[in-house]
Amino acid sequence: MRVAFKRPVKYRLNDEDVFSGELAQDLSTGGIRLRCNTFIPVNAPVKVRIQFAPSSEVVDIEGRVAWVKSLLYGETFQVGFKFNDGVLSRSRIAQYILSAS
């Protein structure tokens, strides 16, 4: 199940030290779609940091870029991140999805 999730999310490529912030579009237990201002290559390993509400805990989950779609003359991109198997992180995401639907 995929739900709309219009919240700021942070991510970083595994070879970088600093997280970048972008706006999420939707979320499932298998991945997340972000709207990004920077091109990220397919298959790039990433860490995604999600906070479901300002006062909630932060969930870090690792994955990779599954697909990229160019928007607005190549200046903005939709990026699909596929999560790795992180049981604890996925269960927290599943709890959020169930509460949001």
C-alpha atoms as a PDB file:
ATOM      1  CA  MET A   1       0.000   0.000   0.000  1.00  0.00           C
ATOM      2  CA  ARG A   2       1.267   3.460  -0.933  1.00  0.00           C
ATOM      3  CA  VAL A   3       0.013   6.624   0.798  1.00  0.00           C
ATOM      4  CA  ALA A   4       0.453  10.319   0.053  1.00  0.00           C
ATOM      5  CA  PHE A   5       3.253  11.701   2.199  1.00  0.00           C
ATOM      6  CA  LYS A   6       3.929  15.396   1.579  1.00  0.00           C
ATOM      7  CA  ARG A   7       6.599  16.055   4.176  1.00  0.00           C
ATOM      8  CA  PRO A   8      10.230  17.147   4.171  1.00  0.00           C
ATOM      9  CA  VAL A   9      12.602  14.176   4.142  1.00  0.00           C
ATOM     10  CA  LYS A  10      16.380  14.010   4.313  1.00  0.00           C
ATOM     11  CA  TYR A  11      18.619  11.714   2.331  1.00  0.00           C
ATOM     12  CA  ARG A  12      22.291  11.251   1.669  1.00  0.00           C
ATOM     13  CA  LEU A  13      24.267   9.220  -0.787  1.00  0.00           C
ATOM     14  CA  ASN A  14      26.406   6.625   0.977  1.00  0.00           C
ATOM     15  CA  ASP A  15      29.627   8.359  -0.090  1.00  0.00           C
ATOM     16  CA  GLU A  16      28.554  11.735   1.361  1.00  0.00           C
ATOM     17  CA  ASP A  17      28.633  12.995   4.941  1.00  0.00           C
ATOM     18  CA  VAL A  18      25.845  15.585   4.741  1.00  0.00           C
ATOM     19  CA  PHE A  19      22.105  15.004   4.387  1.00  0.00           C
ATOM     20  CA  SER A  20      20.100  16.917   1.760  1.00  0.00           C
ATOM     21  CA  GLY A  21      16.468  17.878   2.322  1.00  0.00           C
ATOM     22  CA  GLU A  22      13.710  17.335  -0.233  1.00  0.00           C
ATOM     23  CA  LEU A  23       9.931  17.021  -0.307  1.00  0.00           C
ATOM     24  CA  ALA A  24       8.406  13.539  -0.243  1.00  0.00           C
ATOM     25  CA  GLN A  25       5.466  12.733  -2.505  1.00  0.00           C
ATOM     26  CA  ASP A  26       4.383   9.292  -1.326  1.00  0.00           C
ATOM     27  CA  LEU A  27       5.496   6.423   0.873  1.00  0.00           C
ATOM     28  CA  SER A  28       5.185   2.637   1.134  1.00  0.00           C
ATOM     29  CA  THR A  29       6.976  -0.007   3.147  1.00  0.00           C
ATOM     30  CA  GLY A  30       9.032  -0.721   0.024  1.00  0.00           C
ATOM     31  CA  GLY A  31      10.119   2.811  -0.811  1.00  0.00           C
ATOM     32  CA  ILE A  32       9.509   6.530  -1.060  1.00  0.00           C
ATOM     33  CA  ARG A  33       9.135   9.020  -3.912  1.00  0.00           C
ATOM     34  CA  LEU A  34      10.819  12.404  -3.544  1.00  0.00           C
ATOM     35  CA  ARG A  35      10.849  15.562  -5.606  1.00  0.00           C
ATOM     36  CA  CYS A  36      14.526  16.547  -5.876  1.00  0.00           C
ATOM     37  CA  ASN A  37      16.392  19.553  -7.231  1.00  0.00           C
ATOM     38  CA  THR A  38      19.496  17.451  -7.862  1.00  0.00           C
ATOM     39  CA  PHE A  39      19.946  14.529 -10.238  1.00  0.00           C
ATOM     40  CA  ILE A  40      20.738  11.260  -8.443  1.00  0.00           C
ATOM     41  CA  PRO A  41      21.833   8.297 -10.590  1.00  0.00           C
ATOM     42  CA  VAL A  42      19.849   5.057 -10.672  1.00  0.00           C
ATOM     43  CA  ASN A  43      21.246   2.378  -8.345  1.00  0.00           C
ATOM     44  CA  ALA A  44      23.010   4.966  -6.153  1.00  0.00           C
ATOM     45  CA  PRO A  45      23.034   3.705  -2.538  1.00  0.00           C
ATOM     46  CA  VAL A  46      21.269   6.099  -0.155  1.00  0.00           C
ATOM     47  CA  LYS A  47      20.209   6.555   3.438  1.00  0.00           C
ATOM     48  CA  VAL A  48      16.772   8.148   3.903  1.00  0.00           C
ATOM     49  CA  ARG A  49      15.809   9.906   7.147  1.00  0.00           C
ATOM     50  CA  ILE A  50      12.051  10.153   7.764  1.00  0.00           C
ATOM     51  CA  GLN A  51      10.239  11.951  10.569  1.00  0.00           C
ATOM     52  CA  PHE A  52       6.491  11.328  10.476  1.00  0.00           C
ATOM     53  CA  ALA A  53       5.614  14.326  12.665  1.00  0.00           C
ATOM     54  CA  PRO A  54       7.682  17.136  14.233  1.00  0.00           C
ATOM     55  CA  SER A  55       7.611  15.482  17.652  1.00  0.00           C
ATOM     56  CA  SER A  56       8.079  11.879  16.477  1.00  0.00           C
ATOM     57  CA  GLU A  57      11.264   9.852  16.348  1.00  0.00           C
ATOM     58  CA  VAL A  58      13.449   9.798  13.256  1.00  0.00           C
ATOM     59  CA  VAL A  59      13.542   6.637  11.147  1.00  0.00           C
ATOM     60  CA  ASP A  60      16.714   5.982   9.120  1.00  0.00           C
ATOM     61  CA  ILE A  61      16.498   3.393   6.369  1.00  0.00           C
ATOM     62  CA  GLU A  62      18.980   2.419   3.691  1.00  0.00           C
ATOM     63  CA  GLY A  63      18.172   1.694   0.080  1.00  0.00           C
ATOM     64  CA  ARG A  64      18.994   2.648  -3.482  1.00  0.00           C
ATOM     65  CA  VAL A  65      17.617   4.829  -6.258  1.00  0.00           C
ATOM     66  CA  ALA A  66      15.221   2.660  -8.298  1.00  0.00           C
ATOM     67  CA  TRP A  67      14.202   5.236 -10.938  1.00  0.00           C
ATOM     68  CA  VAL A  68      14.502   8.916 -11.883  1.00  0.00           C
ATOM     69  CA  LYS A  69      12.105  11.036 -13.934  1.00  0.00           C
ATOM     70  CA  SER A  70      13.076  14.499 -15.197  1.00  0.00           C
ATOM     71  CA  LEU A  71      10.577  17.344 -14.628  1.00  0.00           C
ATOM     72  CA  LEU A  72      10.595  21.031 -15.557  1.00  0.00           C
ATOM     73  CA  TYR A  73      13.228  20.986 -18.308  1.00  0.00           C
ATOM     74  CA  GLY A  74      15.620  18.811 -16.313  1.00  0.00           C
ATOM     75  CA  GLU A  75      15.857  21.186 -13.346  1.00  0.00           C
ATOM     76  CA  THR A  76      13.699  19.073 -11.027  1.00  0.00           C
ATOM     77  CA  PHE A  77      13.408  15.303 -10.705  1.00  0.00           C
ATOM     78  CA  GLN A  78      11.071  12.737  -9.232  1.00  0.00           C
ATOM     79  CA  VAL A  79      13.180  10.031  -7.654  1.00  0.00           C
ATOM     80  CA  GLY A  80      11.993   6.633  -6.491  1.00  0.00           C
ATOM     81  CA  PHE A  81      13.976   5.141  -3.612  1.00  0.00           C
ATOM     82  CA  LYS A  82      13.666   1.391  -2.939  1.00  0.00           C
ATOM     83  CA  PHE A  83      14.319   0.446   0.680  1.00  0.00           C
ATOM     84  CA  ASN A  84      16.608  -2.416   1.717  1.00  0.00           C
ATOM     85  CA  ASP A  85      15.287  -4.991   4.156  1.00  0.00           C
ATOM     86  CA  GLY A  86      15.403  -3.200   7.489  1.00  0.00           C
ATOM     87  CA  VAL A  87      12.764  -4.983   9.560  1.00  0.00           C
ATOM     88  CA  LEU A  88      12.540  -2.436  12.376  1.00  0.00           C
ATOM     89  CA  SER A  89      12.436   0.592  10.050  1.00  0.00           C
ATOM     90  CA  ARG A  90       9.908  -1.054   7.742  1.00  0.00           C
ATOM     91  CA  SER A  91       7.636  -1.915  10.681  1.00  0.00           C
ATOM     92  CA  ARG A  92       7.659   1.737  11.804  1.00  0.00           C
ATOM     93  CA  ILE A  93       6.764   2.804   8.258  1.00  0.00           C
ATOM     94  CA  ALA A  94       3.989   0.179   8.136  1.00  0.00           C
ATOM     95  CA  GLN A  95       2.557   1.510  11.416  1.00  0.00           C
ATOM     96  CA  TYR A  96       2.484   5.031   9.966  1.00  0.00           C
ATOM     97  CA  ILE A  97       0.817   3.856   6.729  1.00  0.00           C
ATOM     98  CA  LEU A  98      -1.883   1.984   8.650  1.00  0.00           C
ATOM     99  CA  SER A  99      -2.610   5.038  10.787  1.00  0.00           C
ATOM    100  CA  ALA A 100      -2.697   7.326   7.734  1.00  0.00           C
ATOM    101  CA  SER A 101      -5.104   5.214   5.656  1.00  0.00           C
END
